[in-house]
């Protein structure tokens, strides 16, 4: 497949691996890139030397292009400058609209991807110079900016902007990719499916819950896992923390049951408290099930662990079969 998006990014398969907090490290990003797709590494919130080191780690594993994901609600200026100095191909900006950030990235020679949740935001990003609009539907896992479904958002965005639109939210297989293309998208942004890649850096208990979840087992919360990142709505698997909170009346922050309770420890020894925005990593100890287990509504399509490159190839091949008029995955006999 060749498209304006593929030409812009130097890729063969218009599939992006979402940054996924701490779940997407250099190994995952490089594997996605080496498979002909486009990886995105989350390096926000890190000192400049760690940003530079993360970029170097990916470059040691691939000579393909990739992007660095930056969170605009936290200090990002130094990390953006580090990306420019390192000559990274692209930058993925999310959780805010900062025309100055887009302008600086463009002036530094970076391809700019802007994640948005509405047409108005997409138009503002395009006007500020964004090269690619990531249209994130409400089905997405992790932190979710808007409240419009992918099915409704993508075609509206395609009709409203003149740059490539990438569909995000609820897409986990080739059928979803084909559907996104029928809606006018130029590519797809996938997170939850890559949680079950061999390269993903998540705790085994987290992976087990992802592999066993149904499409109805994720929930959207306005402010449940807000410790360390307030005012940031999100979608995660329902768990004991969420159930106890609902049973207690879904109280607001400051009035929730067992606030400030330490429920685990990070690999480096720092505590994890209940309601913390935290991706359980390998080496995390404690009650992992009670932590923020980010996942999108496409989680029911994630049923086996594969290499990231295998996932890219499978999704792409199935999408091409569907778009050529072939059958999708068969249903039960």
Protein backbone atom coordinates (compact mmCIF):
# COMPACT_ATOMS: atom_id res chain seq x y z
CA UNK A 1 0.00 0.00 0.00
CA UNK A 2 1.27 3.44 -0.93
CA UNK A 3 -0.35 6.64 0.20
CA UNK A 4 0.53 10.23 1.02
CA UNK A 5 0.87 9.15 4.64
CA UNK A 6 3.24 6.31 3.81
CA UNK A 7 5.33 8.61 1.62
CA UNK A 8 5.50 11.24 4.36
CA UNK A 9 6.66 8.73 6.96
CA UNK A 10 8.73 6.44 4.76
CA UNK A 11 6.73 3.35 5.69
CA UNK A 12 4.97 0.54 3.84
CA UNK A 13 2.20 -0.25 6.32
CA UNK A 14 0.15 2.65 7.72
CA UNK A 15 -0.02 1.25 11.23
CA UNK A 16 1.18 3.20 14.28
CA UNK A 17 2.00 1.69 17.66
CA UNK A 18 0.51 3.98 20.31
CA UNK A 19 2.86 5.25 23.03
CA UNK A 20 0.95 3.43 25.82
CA UNK A 21 2.71 5.06 28.76
CA UNK A 22 5.42 2.77 30.08
CA UNK A 23 4.28 -0.23 28.02
CA UNK A 24 6.02 0.80 24.79
CA UNK A 25 9.79 0.71 25.08
CA UNK A 26 12.57 0.74 22.49
CA UNK A 27 12.20 -2.96 21.65
CA UNK A 28 8.50 -2.63 20.78
CA UNK A 29 8.96 0.59 18.81
CA UNK A 30 11.91 -0.78 16.84
CA UNK A 31 10.09 -4.02 16.04
CA UNK A 32 7.09 -2.11 14.71
CA UNK A 33 9.37 0.07 12.59
CA UNK A 34 11.35 -2.88 11.25
CA UNK A 35 8.05 -4.45 10.15
CA UNK A 36 7.41 -1.48 7.87
CA UNK A 37 5.09 0.43 10.19
CA UNK A 38 5.64 3.45 12.46
CA UNK A 39 6.49 3.26 16.15
CA UNK A 40 5.92 5.98 18.74
CA UNK A 41 8.00 6.08 21.93
CA UNK A 42 6.70 7.88 25.05
CA UNK A 43 9.54 9.98 26.48
CA UNK A 44 7.62 12.77 28.19
CA UNK A 45 8.24 13.52 31.84
CA UNK A 46 11.87 12.43 31.59
CA UNK A 47 15.07 14.44 31.99
CA UNK A 48 16.74 15.50 28.75
CA UNK A 49 19.51 12.94 29.10
CA UNK A 50 16.93 10.14 29.35
CA UNK A 51 15.09 11.48 26.32
CA UNK A 52 18.34 11.39 24.34
CA UNK A 53 19.16 7.93 25.68
CA UNK A 54 15.73 6.60 24.68
CA UNK A 55 16.20 7.88 21.14
CA UNK A 56 19.65 6.30 20.96
CA UNK A 57 18.31 2.96 22.18
CA UNK A 58 15.79 2.82 19.36
CA UNK A 59 18.38 3.83 16.78
CA UNK A 60 20.57 0.97 17.93
CA UNK A 61 17.74 -1.40 17.00
CA UNK A 62 16.42 0.10 13.76
CA UNK A 63 17.38 2.47 10.99
CA UNK A 64 13.73 3.21 10.27
CA UNK A 65 11.85 6.38 11.16
CA UNK A 66 9.89 6.79 14.40
CA UNK A 67 8.30 9.49 16.55
CA UNK A 68 8.64 10.65 20.15
CA UNK A 69 5.43 11.20 22.11
CA UNK A 70 5.22 14.33 24.30
CA UNK A 71 2.48 15.29 26.76
CA UNK A 72 1.62 18.98 26.49
CA UNK A 73 0.05 19.15 29.95
CA UNK A 74 3.48 18.63 31.51
CA UNK A 75 6.70 20.55 30.86
CA UNK A 76 7.71 19.51 27.36
CA UNK A 77 9.95 22.26 25.98
CA UNK A 78 13.30 20.72 26.90
CA UNK A 79 12.28 17.29 25.61
CA UNK A 80 11.11 18.83 22.34
CA UNK A 81 14.44 20.59 21.94
CA UNK A 82 16.20 17.28 22.61
CA UNK A 83 14.16 15.67 19.83
CA UNK A 84 15.08 18.46 17.44
CA UNK A 85 18.75 18.25 18.34
CA UNK A 86 18.72 14.48 17.87
CA UNK A 87 17.10 14.81 14.45
CA UNK A 88 14.16 12.56 15.30
CA UNK A 89 11.81 12.11 12.36
CA UNK A 90 8.54 12.90 14.09
CA UNK A 91 6.89 14.09 17.27
CA UNK A 92 3.49 13.04 18.58
CA UNK A 93 1.82 15.79 20.64
CA UNK A 94 -1.13 15.02 22.87
CA UNK A 95 -3.22 16.21 25.79
CA UNK A 96 -3.48 19.83 24.77
CA UNK A 97 -3.34 22.23 21.88
CA UNK A 98 -0.20 24.37 21.80
CA UNK A 99 0.31 26.07 18.43
CA UNK A 100 3.73 27.22 19.64
CA UNK A 101 4.80 23.59 20.20
CA UNK A 102 3.68 22.64 16.69
CA UNK A 103 5.47 25.67 15.24
CA UNK A 104 8.70 24.90 17.11
CA UNK A 105 8.64 21.26 16.04
CA UNK A 106 8.01 22.21 12.43
CA UNK A 107 10.80 24.80 12.50
CA UNK A 108 13.07 22.07 13.86
CA UNK A 109 12.33 19.82 10.89
CA UNK A 110 10.03 17.35 12.63
CA UNK A 111 6.88 15.79 11.22
CA UNK A 112 4.11 16.71 13.67
CA UNK A 113 1.26 14.40 14.70
CA UNK A 114 -1.45 15.96 16.86
CA UNK A 115 -3.91 13.82 18.84
CA UNK A 116 -7.40 15.33 19.02
CA UNK A 117 -10.90 14.35 20.10
CA UNK A 118 -13.07 16.64 17.99
CA UNK A 119 -13.22 18.22 14.55
CA UNK A 120 -12.68 21.70 16.00
CA UNK A 121 -9.44 20.53 17.62
CA UNK A 122 -8.33 18.86 14.41
CA UNK A 123 -8.90 22.04 12.43
CA UNK A 124 -6.98 24.06 15.01
CA UNK A 125 -4.07 21.62 14.84
CA UNK A 126 -4.03 21.74 11.05
CA UNK A 127 -4.11 25.55 11.12
CA UNK A 128 -1.13 25.50 13.48
CA UNK A 129 0.82 23.36 11.02
CA UNK A 130 0.28 19.75 12.11
CA UNK A 131 1.12 17.27 9.34
CA UNK A 132 -1.07 14.41 10.63
CA UNK A 133 -4.21 14.36 12.76
CA UNK A 134 -4.67 11.46 15.16
CA UNK A 135 -8.44 11.24 15.63
CA UNK A 136 -8.83 9.51 18.99
CA UNK A 137 -12.23 7.96 19.59
CA UNK A 138 -13.78 7.43 23.00
CA UNK A 139 -13.18 3.67 22.73
CA UNK A 140 -9.43 4.16 23.20
CA UNK A 141 -7.58 2.83 26.21
CA UNK A 142 -5.44 4.90 28.54
CA UNK A 143 -5.96 8.64 28.63
CA UNK A 144 -8.78 9.71 26.33
CA UNK A 145 -9.06 13.33 25.26
CA UNK A 146 -12.56 13.41 23.69
CA UNK A 147 -15.95 11.73 23.99
CA UNK A 148 -16.87 11.02 20.37
CA UNK A 149 -16.71 7.45 19.06
CA UNK A 150 -14.16 6.48 16.44
CA UNK A 151 -16.89 5.56 13.95
CA UNK A 152 -18.39 9.06 14.16
CA UNK A 153 -15.19 11.05 14.61
CA UNK A 154 -13.06 9.73 11.75
CA UNK A 155 -15.29 10.52 8.76
CA UNK A 156 -16.18 13.91 10.21
CA UNK A 157 -12.48 14.68 10.63
CA UNK A 158 -11.62 13.47 7.13
CA UNK A 159 -14.25 15.81 5.71
CA UNK A 160 -12.98 18.76 7.76
CA UNK A 161 -9.19 18.75 7.35
CA UNK A 162 -6.81 18.55 4.42
CA UNK A 163 -4.04 16.49 6.02
CA UNK A 164 -3.94 12.71 6.60
CA UNK A 165 -6.17 11.45 9.39
CA UNK A 166 -5.16 8.44 11.48
CA UNK A 167 -7.94 6.56 13.30
CA UNK A 168 -7.40 5.68 16.97
CA UNK A 169 -9.64 3.90 19.45
CA UNK A 170 -11.03 0.37 19.46
CA UNK A 171 -9.00 -0.86 16.47
CA UNK A 172 -7.26 -4.15 17.19
CA UNK A 173 -7.31 -6.21 14.00
CA UNK A 174 -7.40 -5.98 10.21
CA UNK A 175 -11.16 -5.68 10.10
CA UNK A 176 -10.95 -2.56 12.21
CA UNK A 177 -8.19 -1.19 10.00
CA UNK A 178 -10.24 -1.86 6.87
CA UNK A 179 -13.26 -0.17 8.44
CA UNK A 180 -11.15 2.87 9.30
CA UNK A 181 -9.98 3.09 5.69
CA UNK A 182 -13.56 2.87 4.46
CA UNK A 183 -14.29 5.86 6.71
CA UNK A 184 -11.53 7.79 4.98
CA UNK A 185 -8.62 7.31 7.39
CA UNK A 186 -5.11 7.07 5.98
CA UNK A 187 -3.76 4.95 8.83
CA UNK A 188 -4.56 3.39 12.20
CA UNK A 189 -3.19 3.99 15.69
CA UNK A 190 -3.16 0.83 17.81
CA UNK A 191 -2.39 0.44 21.49
CA UNK A 192 -4.27 -2.33 23.30
CA UNK A 193 -3.35 -5.02 20.78
CA UNK A 194 0.35 -4.25 21.30
CA UNK A 195 -0.01 -4.79 25.06
CA UNK A 196 0.03 -8.47 24.14
CA UNK A 197 3.28 -8.22 22.19
CA UNK A 198 6.37 -9.98 23.47
CA UNK A 199 8.15 -6.66 23.50
CA UNK A 200 5.59 -4.82 25.66
CA UNK A 201 6.95 -3.86 29.07
CA UNK A 202 3.99 -4.70 31.30
CA UNK A 203 3.55 -6.88 34.36
CA UNK A 204 2.47 -10.49 33.68
CA UNK A 205 -0.67 -10.04 35.81
CA UNK A 206 -1.67 -7.03 33.73
CA UNK A 207 -1.18 -9.08 30.56
CA UNK A 208 -3.31 -11.90 31.95
CA UNK A 209 -6.20 -9.52 32.60
CA UNK A 210 -5.91 -8.06 29.10
CA UNK A 211 -5.98 -11.50 27.48
CA UNK A 212 -9.08 -12.53 29.44
CA UNK A 213 -11.16 -9.34 29.18
CA UNK A 214 -14.39 -8.93 27.25
CA UNK A 215 -15.38 -5.88 25.24
CA UNK A 216 -17.57 -4.78 28.16
CA UNK A 217 -14.89 -4.94 30.84
CA UNK A 218 -13.32 -1.54 30.22
CA UNK A 219 -14.71 1.59 31.83
CA UNK A 220 -14.22 5.30 31.17
CA UNK A 221 -13.45 7.40 34.23
CA UNK A 222 -13.27 11.14 34.53
CA UNK A 223 -10.86 11.20 37.45
CA UNK A 224 -10.45 7.76 39.06
CA UNK A 225 -6.72 7.21 38.46
CA UNK A 226 -5.76 10.83 38.96
CA UNK A 227 -2.79 10.61 41.35
CA UNK A 228 0.26 12.05 39.51
CA UNK A 229 -1.94 13.14 36.58
CA UNK A 230 -5.10 15.04 37.59
CA UNK A 231 -7.88 16.23 35.30
CA UNK A 232 -7.12 13.57 32.70
CA UNK A 233 -10.04 11.24 31.79
CA UNK A 234 -9.08 7.68 30.97
CA UNK A 235 -10.25 4.16 30.10
CA UNK A 236 -9.07 1.07 31.97
CA UNK A 237 -10.16 -2.43 32.88
CA UNK A 238 -12.70 -2.65 35.67
CA UNK A 239 -11.01 -4.00 38.78
CA UNK A 240 -11.32 -4.20 42.58
CA UNK A 241 -10.39 -0.53 43.02
CA UNK A 242 -13.10 0.62 40.62
CA UNK A 243 -15.71 -1.71 42.08
CA UNK A 244 -15.04 -0.57 45.68
CA UNK A 245 -15.19 3.04 44.55
CA UNK A 246 -18.55 2.53 42.83
CA UNK A 247 -19.92 0.56 45.80
CA UNK A 248 -18.98 3.54 48.01
CA UNK A 249 -20.98 5.93 45.81
CA UNK A 250 -18.33 6.90 43.22
CA UNK A 251 -17.08 9.70 45.44
CA UNK A 252 -14.86 12.46 44.02
CA UNK A 253 -11.11 12.70 44.70
CA UNK A 254 -10.46 13.39 48.35
CA UNK A 255 -13.45 11.33 49.47
CA UNK A 256 -12.74 7.95 47.87
CA UNK A 257 -12.24 4.78 49.92
CA UNK A 258 -8.66 3.92 50.90
CA UNK A 259 -7.06 6.97 49.33
CA UNK A 260 -3.29 7.21 49.85
CA UNK A 261 -3.12 3.47 50.60
CA UNK A 262 0.09 1.93 49.30
CA UNK A 263 -0.88 -1.05 47.15
CA UNK A 264 2.47 -1.87 45.56
CA UNK A 265 6.00 -0.90 44.72
CA UNK A 266 7.58 0.13 41.45
CA UNK A 267 10.66 -1.74 40.19
CA UNK A 268 12.88 1.07 41.50
CA UNK A 269 11.34 0.93 44.97
CA UNK A 270 8.93 3.88 44.84
CA UNK A 271 5.44 3.18 46.21
CA UNK A 272 2.32 2.84 44.10
CA UNK A 273 -0.73 4.29 45.84
CA UNK A 274 -4.34 3.47 45.15
CA UNK A 275 -5.81 5.65 42.37
CA UNK A 276 -2.37 6.39 40.94
CA UNK A 277 -1.95 6.85 37.19
CA UNK A 278 0.61 4.11 36.69
CA UNK A 279 1.30 1.40 34.12
CA UNK A 280 2.30 -1.78 36.02
CA UNK A 281 5.74 -2.72 34.72
CA UNK A 282 7.65 -6.00 35.01
CA UNK A 283 9.12 -6.03 38.50
CA UNK A 284 6.20 -4.17 40.05
CA UNK A 285 5.16 -5.84 43.30
CA UNK A 286 1.95 -5.77 45.28
CA UNK A 287 -1.71 -5.83 44.25
CA UNK A 288 -1.27 -5.33 40.50
CA UNK A 289 -4.93 -6.12 39.80
CA UNK A 290 -5.92 -3.05 41.82
CA UNK A 291 -3.76 -0.70 39.74
CA UNK A 292 -4.68 1.25 36.60
CA UNK A 293 -4.85 -1.44 33.92
CA UNK A 294 -5.23 0.68 30.80
CA UNK A 295 -7.14 -0.96 27.93
CA UNK A 296 -9.47 0.05 25.11
CA UNK A 297 -12.75 -1.51 24.04
CA UNK A 298 -10.94 -3.54 21.39
CA UNK A 299 -9.45 -5.65 24.20
CA UNK A 300 -11.80 -8.57 23.44
CA UNK A 301 -9.89 -9.06 20.17
CA UNK A 302 -6.60 -9.55 22.03
CA UNK A 303 -6.29 -13.24 22.83
CA UNK A 304 -2.67 -14.29 22.30
CA UNK A 305 0.85 -13.03 22.78
CA UNK A 306 2.75 -12.39 19.55
CA UNK A 307 5.79 -10.50 18.43
CA UNK A 308 5.09 -6.86 17.57
CA UNK A 309 6.16 -7.47 13.96
CA UNK A 310 3.75 -10.43 13.74
CA UNK A 311 0.94 -8.20 14.95
CA UNK A 312 1.75 -5.57 12.32
CA UNK A 313 1.85 -8.15 9.54
CA UNK A 314 -1.34 -9.89 10.63
CA UNK A 315 -3.35 -6.68 10.91
CA UNK A 316 -2.06 -5.35 7.61
CA UNK A 317 -2.63 -8.58 5.67
CA UNK A 318 -6.14 -9.03 7.04
CA UNK A 319 -7.01 -5.41 6.23
CA UNK A 320 -5.80 -5.80 2.65
CA UNK A 321 -7.89 -8.97 2.28
CA UNK A 322 -10.98 -7.19 3.58
CA UNK A 323 -10.45 -4.16 1.37
CA UNK A 324 -10.02 -6.42 -1.65
CA UNK A 325 -13.45 -7.89 -0.99
CA UNK A 326 -12.33 -10.99 0.84
CA UNK A 327 -13.82 -12.32 4.06
CA UNK A 328 -12.86 -11.14 7.51
CA UNK A 329 -12.39 -13.59 10.34
CA UNK A 330 -15.11 -16.24 10.22
CA UNK A 331 -17.77 -16.37 12.91
CA UNK A 332 -18.93 -19.54 14.69
CA UNK A 333 -20.41 -22.33 12.60
